[in-house]
Amino acid sequence: NPGFLYQQNTIRDAMIAGTTLNIFNNHSDRV
């Protein structure tokens, strides 16, 4: 169903997660 937004999860998503969490960590004075 296009309204269900179901998608798989690859190593690309691991790259998104790792880099984003590092950004949050490094800006944890405000985030």
PDB file of all heavy atoms in Angstrom:
ATOM      1  N   ASN A   1       0.839  -1.195   0.000  1.00  0.00           N
ATOM      2  CA  ASN A   1       0.000   0.000   0.000  1.00  0.00           C
ATOM      3  C   ASN A   1       0.880   1.254   0.000  1.00  0.00           C
ATOM      4  O   ASN A   1       1.698   1.432   0.900  1.00  0.00           O
ATOM      5  CB  ASN A   1      -0.904  -0.017   1.243  1.00  0.00           C
ATOM      6  CG  ASN A   1      -1.957   1.072   1.226  1.00  0.00           C
ATOM      7  OD1 ASN A   1      -1.711   2.196   0.807  1.00  0.00           O
ATOM      8  ND2 ASN A   1      -3.148   0.736   1.716  1.00  0.00           N
ATOM      9  N   PRO A   2       0.733   2.140  -0.990  1.00  0.00           N
ATOM     10  CA  PRO A   2       1.586   3.339  -1.032  1.00  0.00           C
ATOM     11  C   PRO A   2       1.403   4.253   0.173  1.00  0.00           C
ATOM     12  O   PRO A   2       2.287   5.057   0.462  1.00  0.00           O
ATOM     13  CB  PRO A   2       1.155   4.033  -2.333  1.00  0.00           C
ATOM     14  CG  PRO A   2      -0.175   3.466  -2.674  1.00  0.00           C
ATOM     15  CD  PRO A   2      -0.184   2.067  -2.150  1.00  0.00           C
ATOM     16  N   GLY A   3       0.286   4.137   0.872  1.00  0.00           N
ATOM     17  CA  GLY A   3       0.056   4.954   2.055  1.00  0.00           C
ATOM     18  C   GLY A   3       0.644   4.371   3.322  1.00  0.00           C
ATOM     19  O   GLY A   3       0.553   4.980   4.393  1.00  0.00           O
ATOM     20  N   PHE A   4       1.270   3.189   3.208  1.00  0.00           N
ATOM     21  CA  PHE A   4       1.803   2.517   4.405  1.00  0.00           C
ATOM     22  C   PHE A   4       3.285   2.778   4.625  1.00  0.00           C
ATOM     23  O   PHE A   4       3.826   2.441   5.677  1.00  0.00           O
ATOM     24  CB  PHE A   4       1.555   1.005   4.322  1.00  0.00           C
ATOM     25  CG  PHE A   4       0.146   0.593   4.664  1.00  0.00           C
ATOM     26  CD1 PHE A   4      -0.869   1.530   4.768  1.00  0.00           C
ATOM     27  CD2 PHE A   4      -0.169  -0.740   4.889  1.00  0.00           C
ATOM     28  CE1 PHE A   4      -2.180   1.156   5.075  1.00  0.00           C
ATOM     29  CE2 PHE A   4      -1.461  -1.133   5.212  1.00  0.00           C
ATOM     30  CZ  PHE A   4      -2.460  -0.185   5.302  1.00  0.00           C
ATOM     31  N   LEU A   5       3.966   3.335   3.615  1.00  0.00           N
ATOM     32  CA  LEU A   5       5.380   3.719   3.732  1.00  0.00           C
ATOM     33  C   LEU A   5       6.275   2.584   4.235  1.00  0.00           C
ATOM     34  O   LEU A   5       7.199   2.791   5.027  1.00  0.00           O
ATOM     35  CB  LEU A   5       5.532   4.951   4.637  1.00  0.00           C
ATOM     36  CG  LEU A   5       4.717   6.192   4.249  1.00  0.00           C
ATOM     37  CD1 LEU A   5       5.131   7.380   5.115  1.00  0.00           C
ATOM     38  CD2 LEU A   5       4.852   6.526   2.774  1.00  0.00           C
ATOM     39  N   TYR A   6       6.008   1.370   3.735  1.00  0.00           N
ATOM     40  CA  TYR A   6       6.828   0.215   4.115  1.00  0.00           C
ATOM     41  C   TYR A   6       8.016   0.129   3.172  1.00  0.00           C
ATOM     42  O   TYR A   6       7.850   0.074   1.953  1.00  0.00           O
ATOM     43  CB  TYR A   6       6.008  -1.073   4.047  1.00  0.00           C
ATOM     44  CG  TYR A   6       6.818  -2.323   4.338  1.00  0.00           C
ATOM     45  CD1 TYR A   6       7.154  -2.654   5.647  1.00  0.00           C
ATOM     46  CD2 TYR A   6       7.251  -3.164   3.307  1.00  0.00           C
ATOM     47  CE1 TYR A   6       7.895  -3.798   5.919  1.00  0.00           C
ATOM     48  CE2 TYR A   6       7.994  -4.305   3.575  1.00  0.00           C
ATOM     49  CZ  TYR A   6       8.317  -4.610   4.884  1.00  0.00           C
ATOM     50  OH  TYR A   6       9.061  -5.737   5.162  1.00  0.00           O
ATOM     51  N   GLN A   7       9.219   0.112   3.729  1.00  0.00           N
ATOM     52  CA  GLN A   7      10.435   0.032   2.922  1.00  0.00           C
ATOM     53  C   GLN A   7      11.471  -0.845   3.603  1.00  0.00           C
ATOM     54  O   GLN A   7      11.453  -1.010   4.826  1.00  0.00           O
ATOM     55  CB  GLN A   7      11.007   1.438   2.688  1.00  0.00           C
ATOM     56  CG  GLN A   7      11.425   2.170   3.940  1.00  0.00           C
ATOM     57  CD  GLN A   7      11.777   3.638   3.719  1.00  0.00           C
ATOM     58  OE1 GLN A   7      11.114   4.350   2.979  1.00  0.00           O
ATOM     59  NE2 GLN A   7      12.837   4.088   4.371  1.00  0.00           N
ATOM     60  N   GLN A   8      12.359  -1.412   2.775  1.00  0.00           N
ATOM     61  CA  GLN A   8      13.450  -2.218   3.320  1.00  0.00           C
ATOM     62  C   GLN A   8      14.541  -1.285   3.870  1.00  0.00           C
ATOM     63  O   GLN A   8      14.456  -0.055   3.794  1.00  0.00           O
ATOM     64  CB  GLN A   8      14.016  -3.141   2.252  1.00  0.00           C
ATOM     65  CG  GLN A   8      13.688  -4.605   2.465  1.00  0.00           C
ATOM     66  CD  GLN A   8      14.384  -5.212   3.693  1.00  0.00           C
ATOM     67  OE1 GLN A   8      15.201  -4.592   4.379  1.00  0.00           O
ATOM     68  NE2 GLN A   8      14.067  -6.464   3.965  1.00  0.00           N
ATOM     69  N   ASN A   9      15.581  -1.893   4.424  1.00  0.00           N
ATOM     70  CA  ASN A   9      16.590  -1.159   5.184  1.00  0.00           C
ATOM     71  C   ASN A   9      17.945  -1.783   4.883  1.00  0.00           C
ATOM     72  O   ASN A   9      18.185  -2.946   5.211  1.00  0.00           O
ATOM     73  CB  ASN A   9      16.234  -1.297   6.671  1.00  0.00           C
ATOM     74  CG  ASN A   9      16.899  -0.263   7.545  1.00  0.00           C
ATOM     75  OD1 ASN A   9      18.095  -0.343   7.766  1.00  0.00           O
ATOM     76  ND2 ASN A   9      16.132   0.679   8.055  1.00  0.00           N
ATOM     77  N   THR A  10      18.828  -1.006   4.246  1.00  0.00           N
ATOM     78  CA  THR A  10      20.108  -1.534   3.775  1.00  0.00           C
ATOM     79  C   THR A  10      21.283  -0.897   4.529  1.00  0.00           C
ATOM     80  O   THR A  10      21.101  -0.105   5.447  1.00  0.00           O
ATOM     81  CB  THR A  10      20.285  -1.252   2.271  1.00  0.00           C
ATOM     82  OG1 THR A  10      20.426   0.180   2.096  1.00  0.00           O
ATOM     83  CG2 THR A  10      19.099  -1.749   1.466  1.00  0.00           C
ATOM     84  N   ILE A  11      22.482  -1.212   4.042  1.00  0.00           N
ATOM     85  CA  ILE A  11      23.684  -0.581   4.588  1.00  0.00           C
ATOM     86  C   ILE A  11      23.651   0.926   4.370  1.00  0.00           C
ATOM     87  O   ILE A  11      24.196   1.697   5.170  1.00  0.00           O
ATOM     88  CB  ILE A  11      24.945  -1.212   3.948  1.00  0.00           C
ATOM     89  CG1 ILE A  11      25.157  -2.631   4.494  1.00  0.00           C
ATOM     90  CG2 ILE A  11      26.181  -0.371   4.228  1.00  0.00           C
ATOM     91  CD1 ILE A  11      25.508  -2.705   5.974  1.00  0.00           C
ATOM     92  N   ARG A  12      22.994   1.388   3.309  1.00  0.00           N
ATOM     93  CA  ARG A  12      22.813   2.831   3.125  1.00  0.00           C
ATOM     94  C   ARG A  12      22.141   3.446   4.346  1.00  0.00           C
ATOM     95  O   ARG A  12      22.524   4.532   4.807  1.00  0.00           O
ATOM     96  CB  ARG A  12      21.982   3.112   1.875  1.00  0.00           C
ATOM     97  CG  ARG A  12      21.567   4.576   1.730  1.00  0.00           C
ATOM     98  CD  ARG A  12      20.891   4.888   0.406  1.00  0.00           C
ATOM     99  NE  ARG A  12      19.636   4.189   0.201  1.00  0.00           N
ATOM    100  CZ  ARG A  12      18.805   4.429  -0.825  1.00  0.00           C
ATOM    101  NH1 ARG A  12      19.119   5.351  -1.741  1.00  0.00           N
ATOM    102  NH2 ARG A  12      17.690   3.736  -0.962  1.00  0.00           N
ATOM    103  N   ASP A  13      21.142   2.761   4.896  1.00  0.00           N
ATOM    104  CA  ASP A  13      20.445   3.276   6.073  1.00  0.00           C
ATOM    105  C   ASP A  13      21.343   3.275   7.309  1.00  0.00           C
ATOM    106  O   ASP A  13      21.222   4.148   8.175  1.00  0.00           O
ATOM    107  CB  ASP A  13      19.182   2.454   6.325  1.00  0.00           C
ATOM    108  CG  ASP A  13      18.196   2.595   5.187  1.00  0.00           C
ATOM    109  OD1 ASP A  13      17.518   3.627   5.118  1.00  0.00           O
ATOM    110  OD2 ASP A  13      18.132   1.680   4.343  1.00  0.00           O
ATOM    111  N   ALA A  14      22.248   2.302   7.378  1.00  0.00           N
ATOM    112  CA  ALA A  14      23.224   2.302   8.465  1.00  0.00           C
ATOM    113  C   ALA A  14      24.128   3.525   8.375  1.00  0.00           C
ATOM    114  O   ALA A  14      24.512   4.116   9.393  1.00  0.00           O
ATOM    115  CB  ALA A  14      24.053   1.025   8.431  1.00  0.00           C
ATOM    116  N   MET A  15      24.468   3.927   7.138  1.00  0.00           N
ATOM    117  CA  MET A  15      25.276   5.135   6.950  1.00  0.00           C
ATOM    118  C   MET A  15      24.507   6.380   7.401  1.00  0.00           C
ATOM    119  O   MET A  15      25.064   7.265   8.060  1.00  0.00           O
ATOM    120  CB  MET A  15      25.680   5.283   5.485  1.00  0.00           C
ATOM    121  CG  MET A  15      26.541   4.158   4.909  1.00  0.00           C
ATOM    122  SD  MET A  15      28.126   3.933   5.758  1.00  0.00           S
ATOM    123  CE  MET A  15      27.715   2.558   6.836  1.00  0.00           C
ATOM    124  N   ILE A  16      23.219   6.445   7.054  1.00  0.00           N
ATOM    125  CA  ILE A  16      22.390   7.568   7.497  1.00  0.00           C
ATOM    126  C   ILE A  16      22.341   7.609   9.018  1.00  0.00           C
ATOM    127  O   ILE A  16      22.525   8.667   9.642  1.00  0.00           O
ATOM    128  CB  ILE A  16      20.959   7.449   6.930  1.00  0.00           C
ATOM    129  CG1 ILE A  16      20.965   7.590   5.413  1.00  0.00           C
ATOM    130  CG2 ILE A  16      20.045   8.499   7.554  1.00  0.00           C
ATOM    131  CD1 ILE A  16      19.618   7.282   4.768  1.00  0.00           C
ATOM    132  N   ALA A  17      22.086   6.461   9.631  1.00  0.00           N
ATOM    133  CA  ALA A  17      21.960   6.407  11.089  1.00  0.00           C
ATOM    134  C   ALA A  17      23.260   6.801  11.779  1.00  0.00           C
ATOM    135  O   ALA A  17      23.266   7.638  12.695  1.00  0.00           O
ATOM    136  CB  ALA A  17      21.520   5.015  11.527  1.00  0.00           C
ATOM    137  N   GLY A  18      24.365   6.215  11.368  1.00  0.00           N
ATOM    138  CA  GLY A  18      25.638   6.489  12.037  1.00  0.00           C
ATOM    139  C   GLY A  18      26.056   7.942  11.927  1.00  0.00           C
ATOM    140  O   GLY A  18      26.468   8.560  12.920  1.00  0.00           O
ATOM    141  N   THR A  19      25.953   8.514  10.709  1.00  0.00           N
ATOM    142  CA  THR A  19      26.366   9.910  10.537  1.00  0.00           C
ATOM    143  C   THR A  19      25.428  10.863  11.279  1.00  0.00           C
ATOM    144  O   THR A  19      25.877  11.829  11.908  1.00  0.00           O
ATOM    145  CB  THR A  19      26.411  10.291   9.046  1.00  0.00           C
ATOM    146  OG1 THR A  19      25.144  10.002   8.437  1.00  0.00           O
ATOM    147  CG2 THR A  19      27.500   9.529   8.326  1.00  0.00           C
ATOM    148  N   THR A  20      24.114  10.601  11.224  1.00  0.00           N
ATOM    149  CA  THR A  20      23.154  11.492  11.879  1.00  0.00           C
ATOM    150  C   THR A  20      23.337  11.472  13.387  1.00  0.00           C
ATOM    151  O   THR A  20      23.320  12.524  14.050  1.00  0.00           O
ATOM    152  CB  THR A  20      21.714  11.100  11.510  1.00  0.00           C
ATOM    153  OG1 THR A  20      21.563  11.129  10.090  1.00  0.00           O
ATOM    154  CG2 THR A  20      20.711  12.056  12.139  1.00  0.00           C
ATOM    155  N   LEU A  21      23.518  10.295  13.947  1.00  0.00           N
ATOM    156  CA  LEU A  21      23.709  10.198  15.398  1.00  0.00           C
ATOM    157  C   LEU A  21      25.008  10.871  15.825  1.00  0.00           C
ATOM    158  O   LEU A  21      25.066  11.502  16.894  1.00  0.00           O
ATOM    159  CB  LEU A  21      23.676   8.734  15.839  1.00  0.00           C
ATOM    160  CG  LEU A  21      22.308   8.049  15.696  1.00  0.00           C
ATOM    161  CD1 LEU A  21      22.426   6.560  15.941  1.00  0.00           C
ATOM    162  CD2 LEU A  21      21.277   8.671  16.629  1.00  0.00           C
ATOM    163  N   ASN A  22      26.059  10.773  15.001  1.00  0.00           N
ATOM    164  CA  ASN A  22      27.295  11.497  15.322  1.00  0.00           C
ATOM    165  C   ASN A  22      27.060  13.005  15.321  1.00  0.00           C
ATOM    166  O   ASN A  22      27.583  13.730  16.175  1.00  0.00           O
ATOM    167  CB  ASN A  22      28.387  11.145  14.307  1.00  0.00           C
ATOM    168  CG  ASN A  22      29.033   9.796  14.581  1.00  0.00           C
ATOM    169  OD1 ASN A  22      28.973   9.283  15.694  1.00  0.00           O
ATOM    170  ND2 ASN A  22      29.643   9.220  13.564  1.00  0.00           N
ATOM    171  N   ILE A  23      26.272  13.482  14.358  1.00  0.00           N
ATOM    172  CA  ILE A  23      25.953  14.912  14.314  1.00  0.00           C
ATOM    173  C   ILE A  23      25.204  15.323  15.575  1.00  0.00           C
ATOM    174  O   ILE A  23      25.521  16.344  16.208  1.00  0.00           O
ATOM    175  CB  ILE A  23      25.124  15.237  13.049  1.00  0.00           C
ATOM    176  CG1 ILE A  23      25.991  15.085  11.798  1.00  0.00           C
ATOM    177  CG2 ILE A  23      24.548  16.652  13.122  1.00  0.00           C
ATOM    178  CD1 ILE A  23      25.201  15.117  10.491  1.00  0.00           C
ATOM    179  N   PHE A  24      24.216  14.540  15.959  1.00  0.00           N
ATOM    180  CA  PHE A  24      23.462  14.856  17.182  1.00  0.00           C
ATOM    181  C   PHE A  24      24.380  14.866  18.404  1.00  0.00           C
ATOM    182  O   PHE A  24      24.299  15.771  19.251  1.00  0.00           O
ATOM    183  CB  PHE A  24      22.342  13.842  17.393  1.00  0.00           C
ATOM    184  CG  PHE A  24      21.230  13.901  16.384  1.00  0.00           C
ATOM    185  CD1 PHE A  24      20.380  12.812  16.203  1.00  0.00           C
ATOM    186  CD2 PHE A  24      21.014  15.034  15.612  1.00  0.00           C
ATOM    187  CE1 PHE A  24      19.344  12.861  15.286  1.00  0.00           C
ATOM    188  CE2 PHE A  24      19.979  15.084  14.677  1.00  0.00           C
ATOM    189  CZ  PHE A  24      19.148  13.992  14.517  1.00  0.00           C
ATOM    190  N   ASN A  25      25.241  13.861  18.510  1.00  0.00           N
ATOM    191  CA  ASN A  25      26.174  13.800  19.643  1.00  0.00           C
ATOM    192  C   ASN A  25      27.023  15.068  19.714  1.00  0.00           C
ATOM    193  O   ASN A  25      27.185  15.671  20.779  1.00  0.00           O
ATOM    194  CB  ASN A  25      27.097  12.589  19.513  1.00  0.00           C
ATOM    195  CG  ASN A  25      26.406  11.277  19.796  1.00  0.00           C
ATOM    196  OD1 ASN A  25      25.283  11.240  20.285  1.00  0.00           O
ATOM    197  ND2 ASN A  25      27.080  10.176  19.481  1.00  0.00           N
ATOM    198  N   ASN A  26      27.558  15.463  18.564  1.00  0.00           N
ATOM    199  CA  ASN A  26      28.474  16.606  18.534  1.00  0.00           C
ATOM    200  C   ASN A  26      27.779  17.939  18.759  1.00  0.00           C
ATOM    201  O   ASN A  26      28.443  18.947  19.024  1.00  0.00           O
ATOM    202  CB  ASN A  26      29.231  16.620  17.200  1.00  0.00           C
ATOM    203  CG  ASN A  26      30.237  15.483  17.093  1.00  0.00           C
ATOM    204  OD1 ASN A  26      30.838  15.071  18.082  1.00  0.00           O
ATOM    205  ND2 ASN A  26      30.406  14.949  15.891  1.00  0.00           N
ATOM    206  N   HIS A  27      26.443  17.958  18.668  1.00  0.00           N
ATOM    207  CA  HIS A  27      25.668  19.174  18.935  1.00  0.00           C
ATOM    208  C   HIS A  27      24.745  18.976  20.142  1.00  0.00           C
ATOM    209  O   HIS A  27      23.694  19.604  20.240  1.00  0.00           O
ATOM    210  CB  HIS A  27      24.868  19.563  17.701  1.00  0.00           C
ATOM    211  CG  HIS A  27      25.717  20.010  16.557  1.00  0.00           C
ATOM    212  ND1 HIS A  27      26.231  21.294  16.462  1.00  0.00           N
ATOM    213  CD2 HIS A  27      26.180  19.343  15.461  1.00  0.00           C
ATOM    214  CE1 HIS A  27      26.953  21.395  15.358  1.00  0.00           C
ATOM    215  NE2 HIS A  27      26.937  20.221  14.735  1.00  0.00           N
ATOM    216  N   SER A  28      25.188  18.136  21.064  1.00  0.00           N
ATOM    217  CA  SER A  28      24.336  17.788  22.206  1.00  0.00           C
ATOM    218  C   SER A  28      24.213  18.907  23.230  1.00  0.00           C
ATOM    219  O   SER A  28      23.476  18.768  24.209  1.00  0.00           O
ATOM    220  CB  SER A  28      24.849  16.511  22.885  1.00  0.00           C
ATOM    221  OG  SER A  28      26.228  16.626  23.223  1.00  0.00           O
ATOM    222  N   ASP A  29      24.908  20.023  23.013  1.00  0.00           N
ATOM    223  CA  ASP A  29      24.670  21.181  23.866  1.00  0.00           C
ATOM    224  C   ASP A  29      23.292  21.765  23.603  1.00  0.00           C
ATOM    225  O   ASP A  29      22.658  22.305  24.518  1.00  0.00           O
ATOM    226  CB  ASP A  29      25.741  22.255  23.650  1.00  0.00           C
ATOM    227  CG  ASP A  29      25.875  22.664  22.190  1.00  0.00           C
ATOM    228  OD1 ASP A  29      25.486  21.879  21.298  1.00  0.00           O
ATOM    229  OD2 ASP A  29      26.392  23.767  21.938  1.00  0.00           O
ATOM    230  N   ARG A  30      22.787  21.645  22.372  1.00  0.00           N
ATOM    231  CA  ARG A  30      21.458  22.181  22.049  1.00  0.00           C
ATOM    232  C   ARG A  30      20.464  21.074  21.699  1.00  0.00           C
ATOM    233  O   ARG A  30      19.288  21.163  22.014  1.00  0.00           O
ATOM    234  CB  ARG A  30      21.565  23.170  20.892  1.00  0.00           C
ATOM    235  CG  ARG A  30      20.276  23.843  20.485  1.00  0.00           C
ATOM    236  CD  ARG A  30      19.688  24.760  21.553  1.00  0.00           C
ATOM    237  NE  ARG A  30      20.323  26.063  21.620  1.00  0.00           N
ATOM    238  CZ  ARG A  30      19.842  27.083  22.337  1.00  0.00           C
ATOM    239  NH1 ARG A  30      18.711  26.950  23.018  1.00  0.00           N
ATOM    240  NH2 ARG A  30      20.496  28.232  22.395  1.00  0.00           N
ATOM    241  N   VAL A  31      20.931  20.023  21.021  1.00  0.00           N
ATOM    242  CA  VAL A  31      20.046  18.908  20.664  1.00  0.00           C
ATOM    243  C   VAL A  31      19.909  17.988  21.879  1.00  0.00           C
ATOM    244  O   VAL A  31      20.868  17.349  22.294  1.00  0.00           O
ATOM    245  CB  VAL A  31      20.589  18.118  19.462  1.00  0.00           C
ATOM    246  CG1 VAL A  31      19.658  16.954  19.120  1.00  0.00           C
ATOM    247  CG2 VAL A  31      20.752  19.037  18.255  1.00  0.00           C
TER     248      VAL A  31
END
